[in-house]
N, C-alpha and C. Protein backbone atom coordinates (compact mmCIF):
# COMPACT_ATOMS: atom_id res chain seq x y z
N UNK A 1 -73.79 -33.11 89.29
CA UNK A 1 -73.91 -33.79 87.75
C UNK A 1 -74.48 -33.35 86.46
N UNK A 2 -73.64 -32.41 85.47
CA UNK A 2 -75.12 -31.73 84.55
C UNK A 2 -75.61 -32.67 83.86
N UNK A 3 -76.64 -32.15 83.64
CA UNK A 3 -77.18 -32.37 82.07
C UNK A 3 -76.74 -32.55 80.81
N UNK A 4 -76.72 -33.45 79.65
CA UNK A 4 -75.84 -33.63 78.74
C UNK A 4 -77.01 -32.75 77.54
N UNK A 5 -78.43 -32.76 77.98
CA UNK A 5 -79.70 -31.95 77.26
C UNK A 5 -79.33 -31.14 76.46
N UNK A 6 -78.56 -29.92 77.02
CA UNK A 6 -78.96 -28.57 76.17
C UNK A 6 -77.23 -29.35 75.27
N UNK A 7 -76.53 -30.03 75.34
CA UNK A 7 -75.58 -30.31 74.35
C UNK A 7 -75.95 -31.39 72.69
N UNK A 8 -76.90 -32.33 73.65
CA UNK A 8 -77.89 -32.22 72.18
C UNK A 8 -78.91 -32.08 71.45
N UNK A 9 -79.28 -31.15 71.99
CA UNK A 9 -79.84 -30.34 71.32
C UNK A 9 -79.12 -29.15 70.64
N UNK A 10 -77.94 -28.96 70.98
CA UNK A 10 -77.58 -28.04 70.09
C UNK A 10 -76.62 -28.62 69.02
N UNK A 11 -76.29 -29.96 68.73
CA UNK A 11 -75.93 -31.54 68.02
C UNK A 11 -76.67 -30.89 67.77
N UNK A 12 -77.78 -31.87 68.06
CA UNK A 12 -79.21 -31.93 66.93
C UNK A 12 -79.59 -30.83 65.99
N UNK A 13 -79.30 -29.92 66.02
CA UNK A 13 -80.09 -28.06 65.27
C UNK A 13 -78.35 -28.24 64.56
N UNK A 14 -77.65 -29.22 64.77
CA UNK A 14 -76.59 -28.14 63.61
C UNK A 14 -76.35 -29.44 62.49
N UNK A 15 -76.79 -30.31 62.83
CA UNK A 15 -77.64 -31.65 61.86
C UNK A 15 -78.40 -31.25 61.07
N UNK A 16 -79.20 -31.31 61.23
CA UNK A 16 -80.84 -29.92 61.13
C UNK A 16 -80.39 -29.05 60.14
N UNK A 17 -78.66 -28.30 60.43
CA UNK A 17 -78.63 -27.53 59.93
C UNK A 17 -77.54 -27.26 58.68
N UNK A 18 -76.95 -29.00 59.20
CA UNK A 18 -76.78 -29.12 58.00
C UNK A 18 -77.01 -29.82 56.63
N UNK A 19 -78.18 -30.65 57.23
CA UNK A 19 -78.82 -31.93 56.52
C UNK A 19 -79.73 -31.28 55.49
N UNK A 20 -80.18 -29.64 55.62
CA UNK A 20 -80.92 -28.71 55.31
C UNK A 20 -79.76 -27.85 54.24
N UNK A 21 -79.15 -27.72 54.40
CA UNK A 21 -78.29 -26.91 53.37
C UNK A 21 -77.35 -28.09 52.52
N UNK A 22 -77.43 -29.03 52.68
CA UNK A 22 -77.00 -30.34 52.03
C UNK A 22 -77.88 -30.46 50.90
N UNK A 23 -78.88 -30.08 51.15
CA UNK A 23 -80.21 -30.69 50.94
C UNK A 23 -80.25 -30.24 49.48
N UNK A 24 -80.66 -31.73 48.20
CA UNK A 24 -80.88 -30.95 47.18
C UNK A 24 -82.46 -30.62 47.03
N UNK A 25 -82.98 -30.35 45.73
CA UNK A 25 -84.28 -30.29 44.93
C UNK A 25 -84.26 -32.04 44.36
N UNK A 26 -85.51 -32.53 44.26
CA UNK A 26 -85.32 -33.65 43.27
C UNK A 26 -87.09 -33.04 41.94
N UNK A 27 -86.34 -33.25 41.58
CA UNK A 27 -87.47 -32.75 39.70
C UNK A 27 -87.35 -34.41 39.14
N UNK A 28 -88.91 -33.93 38.91
CA UNK A 28 -89.86 -35.36 38.86
C UNK A 28 -89.98 -35.25 37.18
N UNK A 29 -89.26 -35.87 35.89
CA UNK A 29 -90.13 -34.99 34.82
C UNK A 29 -90.86 -36.27 34.39
N UNK A 30 -91.86 -36.47 33.51
CA UNK A 30 -92.10 -37.11 33.06
C UNK A 30 -92.16 -36.83 31.01
N UNK A 31 -91.72 -38.16 30.98
CA UNK A 31 -90.62 -38.39 29.31
C UNK A 31 -92.34 -38.29 28.28
N UNK A 32 -93.17 -38.65 28.62
CA UNK A 32 -94.81 -38.75 27.86
C UNK A 32 -96.02 -39.03 28.64
N UNK A 33 -96.55 -37.55 28.11
CA UNK A 33 -98.12 -38.94 29.50
C UNK A 33 -98.55 -40.17 28.70
N UNK A 34 -98.96 -41.03 29.36
CA UNK A 34 -99.82 -42.39 28.98
C UNK A 34 -100.61 -41.67 28.38
N UNK A 35 -100.78 -42.87 27.74
CA UNK A 35 -102.45 -43.09 26.62
C UNK A 35 -103.38 -44.29 26.89
N UNK A 36 -102.47 -45.00 28.06
CA UNK A 36 -102.97 -46.37 28.16
C UNK A 36 -104.26 -46.32 29.43
N UNK A 37 -105.00 -46.73 29.78
CA UNK A 37 -106.29 -47.23 30.88
C UNK A 37 -105.69 -46.56 31.90
N UNK A 38 -106.06 -45.88 33.25
CA UNK A 38 -105.45 -45.95 34.46
C UNK A 38 -104.93 -47.03 34.90
N UNK A 39 -103.42 -46.37 36.01
CA UNK A 39 -103.40 -47.63 36.69
C UNK A 39 -104.22 -47.97 37.65
N UNK A 40 -103.99 -49.30 38.21
CA UNK A 40 -105.05 -49.89 39.23
C UNK A 40 -104.20 -50.97 39.47
N UNK A 41 -104.05 -51.55 41.05
CA UNK A 41 -103.70 -52.10 41.96
C UNK A 41 -103.67 -53.40 41.07
N UNK A 42 -104.68 -54.12 40.28
CA UNK A 42 -104.87 -54.93 39.60
C UNK A 42 -104.22 -55.49 38.82
N UNK A 43 -103.30 -54.43 38.38
CA UNK A 43 -102.15 -55.07 36.91
C UNK A 43 -100.53 -54.73 37.36
N UNK A 44 -99.89 -55.91 37.12
CA UNK A 44 -99.36 -55.46 36.81
C UNK A 44 -98.25 -54.24 35.74
N UNK A 45 -97.23 -53.67 35.84
CA UNK A 45 -96.51 -52.30 35.07
C UNK A 45 -94.62 -52.80 35.00
N UNK A 46 -94.20 -52.57 34.18
CA UNK A 46 -92.93 -52.44 33.71
C UNK A 46 -92.72 -50.99 33.62
N UNK A 47 -91.92 -50.41 33.89
CA UNK A 47 -90.98 -49.22 34.07
C UNK A 47 -89.55 -48.40 34.20
N UNK A 48 -89.36 -47.55 33.16
CA UNK A 48 -88.32 -47.01 33.10
C UNK A 48 -87.59 -46.09 34.06
N UNK A 49 -86.20 -46.40 34.51
CA UNK A 49 -86.09 -44.61 35.10
C UNK A 49 -84.54 -44.60 35.53
N UNK A 50 -84.58 -43.58 35.01
CA UNK A 50 -83.13 -43.31 34.94
C UNK A 50 -82.46 -41.53 36.63
N UNK A 51 -81.26 -42.23 37.17
CA UNK A 51 -81.39 -40.81 38.01
C UNK A 51 -80.58 -39.41 36.97
N UNK A 52 -80.59 -39.19 37.20
CA UNK A 52 -78.97 -38.19 36.47
C UNK A 52 -79.19 -36.30 37.58
N UNK A 53 -78.06 -36.23 38.06
CA UNK A 53 -78.48 -35.01 38.40
C UNK A 53 -78.28 -33.74 37.68
N UNK A 54 -78.89 -32.61 37.96
CA UNK A 54 -79.12 -31.55 36.76
C UNK A 54 -77.67 -30.59 37.37
N UNK A 55 -77.48 -30.41 36.67
CA UNK A 55 -76.06 -29.50 36.55
C UNK A 55 -76.62 -28.25 36.47
N UNK A 56 -75.70 -26.75 36.81
CA UNK A 56 -76.04 -25.10 37.63
C UNK A 56 -76.78 -25.05 35.85
N UNK A 57 -75.26 -25.33 34.66
CA UNK A 57 -75.83 -24.83 33.22
C UNK A 57 -77.33 -25.72 32.39
N UNK A 58 -77.40 -26.50 33.03
CA UNK A 58 -79.03 -26.98 32.90
C UNK A 58 -78.28 -28.64 32.18
N UNK A 59 -77.34 -29.18 31.57
CA UNK A 59 -77.00 -30.36 31.46
C UNK A 59 -77.00 -31.59 32.53
N UNK A 60 -77.45 -32.82 32.28
CA UNK A 60 -77.61 -33.41 33.03
C UNK A 60 -77.01 -34.16 33.18
N UNK A 61 -76.06 -34.88 34.32
CA UNK A 61 -75.07 -35.78 34.21
C UNK A 61 -75.52 -37.23 35.07
N UNK A 62 -75.55 -38.70 34.11
CA UNK A 62 -76.17 -39.46 34.96
C UNK A 62 -75.66 -40.09 35.98
N UNK A 63 -76.69 -40.53 37.45
CA UNK A 63 -75.72 -40.42 38.77
C UNK A 63 -75.95 -42.08 38.72
N UNK A 64 -75.28 -43.18 37.49
CA UNK A 64 -75.04 -44.00 37.77
C UNK A 64 -76.30 -45.52 38.01
N UNK A 65 -77.61 -44.84 37.81
CA UNK A 65 -78.80 -46.31 37.31
C UNK A 65 -79.35 -45.25 37.16
N UNK A 66 -79.99 -46.55 36.17
CA UNK A 66 -80.62 -46.23 34.35
C UNK A 66 -81.89 -47.71 34.45
N UNK A 67 -82.31 -48.28 34.16
CA UNK A 67 -82.76 -48.96 33.36
C UNK A 67 -82.60 -49.29 32.29
N UNK A 68 -82.09 -47.62 30.93
CA UNK A 68 -82.18 -47.38 30.00
C UNK A 68 -81.15 -48.02 29.24
N UNK A 69 -81.05 -48.66 28.25
CA UNK A 69 -79.57 -48.52 27.79
C UNK A 69 -79.07 -47.36 27.07
N UNK A 70 -80.52 -46.31 26.75
CA UNK A 70 -79.23 -44.96 26.05
C UNK A 70 -79.42 -43.75 26.80
N UNK A 71 -79.30 -44.55 28.53
CA UNK A 71 -79.08 -43.52 29.04
C UNK A 71 -77.90 -44.06 30.52
N UNK A 72 -77.04 -45.28 30.01
CA UNK A 72 -75.73 -46.04 31.11
C UNK A 72 -75.71 -47.58 30.84
N UNK A 73 -77.33 -47.70 31.18
CA UNK A 73 -77.37 -49.01 31.54
C UNK A 73 -76.50 -49.95 30.12
N UNK A 74 -76.21 -51.03 31.05
CA UNK A 74 -76.47 -52.49 30.21
C UNK A 74 -77.21 -52.46 28.79
N UNK A 75 -78.16 -52.60 28.84
CA UNK A 75 -79.04 -52.97 28.09
C UNK A 75 -80.03 -52.97 29.01
N UNK A 76 -81.43 -52.50 28.11
CA UNK A 76 -81.93 -52.03 28.40
C UNK A 76 -82.54 -52.96 29.56
N UNK A 77 -83.42 -52.46 30.78
CA UNK A 77 -83.89 -54.05 31.91
C UNK A 77 -85.38 -53.01 32.35
N UNK A 78 -86.45 -52.88 32.01
CA UNK A 78 -87.40 -52.11 32.75
C UNK A 78 -87.62 -53.16 34.18
N UNK A 79 -87.77 -52.15 35.49
CA UNK A 79 -88.42 -53.45 36.24
C UNK A 79 -89.26 -52.96 36.12
N UNK A 80 -90.46 -54.47 37.26
CA UNK A 80 -91.48 -54.39 37.21
C UNK A 80 -91.92 -54.52 38.17
N UNK A 81 -93.43 -53.25 38.30
CA UNK A 81 -94.43 -52.98 39.78
C UNK A 81 -95.75 -53.09 39.51
N UNK A 82 -96.10 -53.74 40.80
CA UNK A 82 -97.79 -53.36 40.74
C UNK A 82 -98.13 -52.27 41.88
N UNK A 83 -98.94 -51.93 42.04
CA UNK A 83 -99.48 -50.39 42.24
C UNK A 83 -100.13 -51.75 43.86
N UNK A 84 -99.75 -51.00 45.21
CA UNK A 84 -99.75 -51.51 46.69
C UNK A 84 -98.95 -52.54 46.77
N UNK A 85 -98.52 -53.35 45.82
CA UNK A 85 -97.87 -54.61 46.58
C UNK A 85 -96.07 -54.14 46.70
N UNK A 86 -95.97 -54.99 48.14
CA UNK A 86 -94.54 -55.07 47.55
C UNK A 86 -94.08 -53.58 48.45
N UNK A 87 -95.01 -52.53 48.50
CA UNK A 87 -94.21 -51.38 49.47
C UNK A 87 -93.76 -51.82 51.06
């Protein structure tokens, strides 16, 4: 009986290579710096988020999910979060 270990290692290597080639860079863009107090675990906050794909020419295509009406949401609907809670 031959060992399947070399085949498993080869498949893992190929899968890793495919994942590496298919991976895209992630860009986080802050729209404006906050002027309020620092974020703490004792407060609950509302936040707007838009996910988009940046095209090679620099234009942006919404990826289908946003909390902003101006970026494709049915209505403005920020989500609430509290740092350190529910992670």
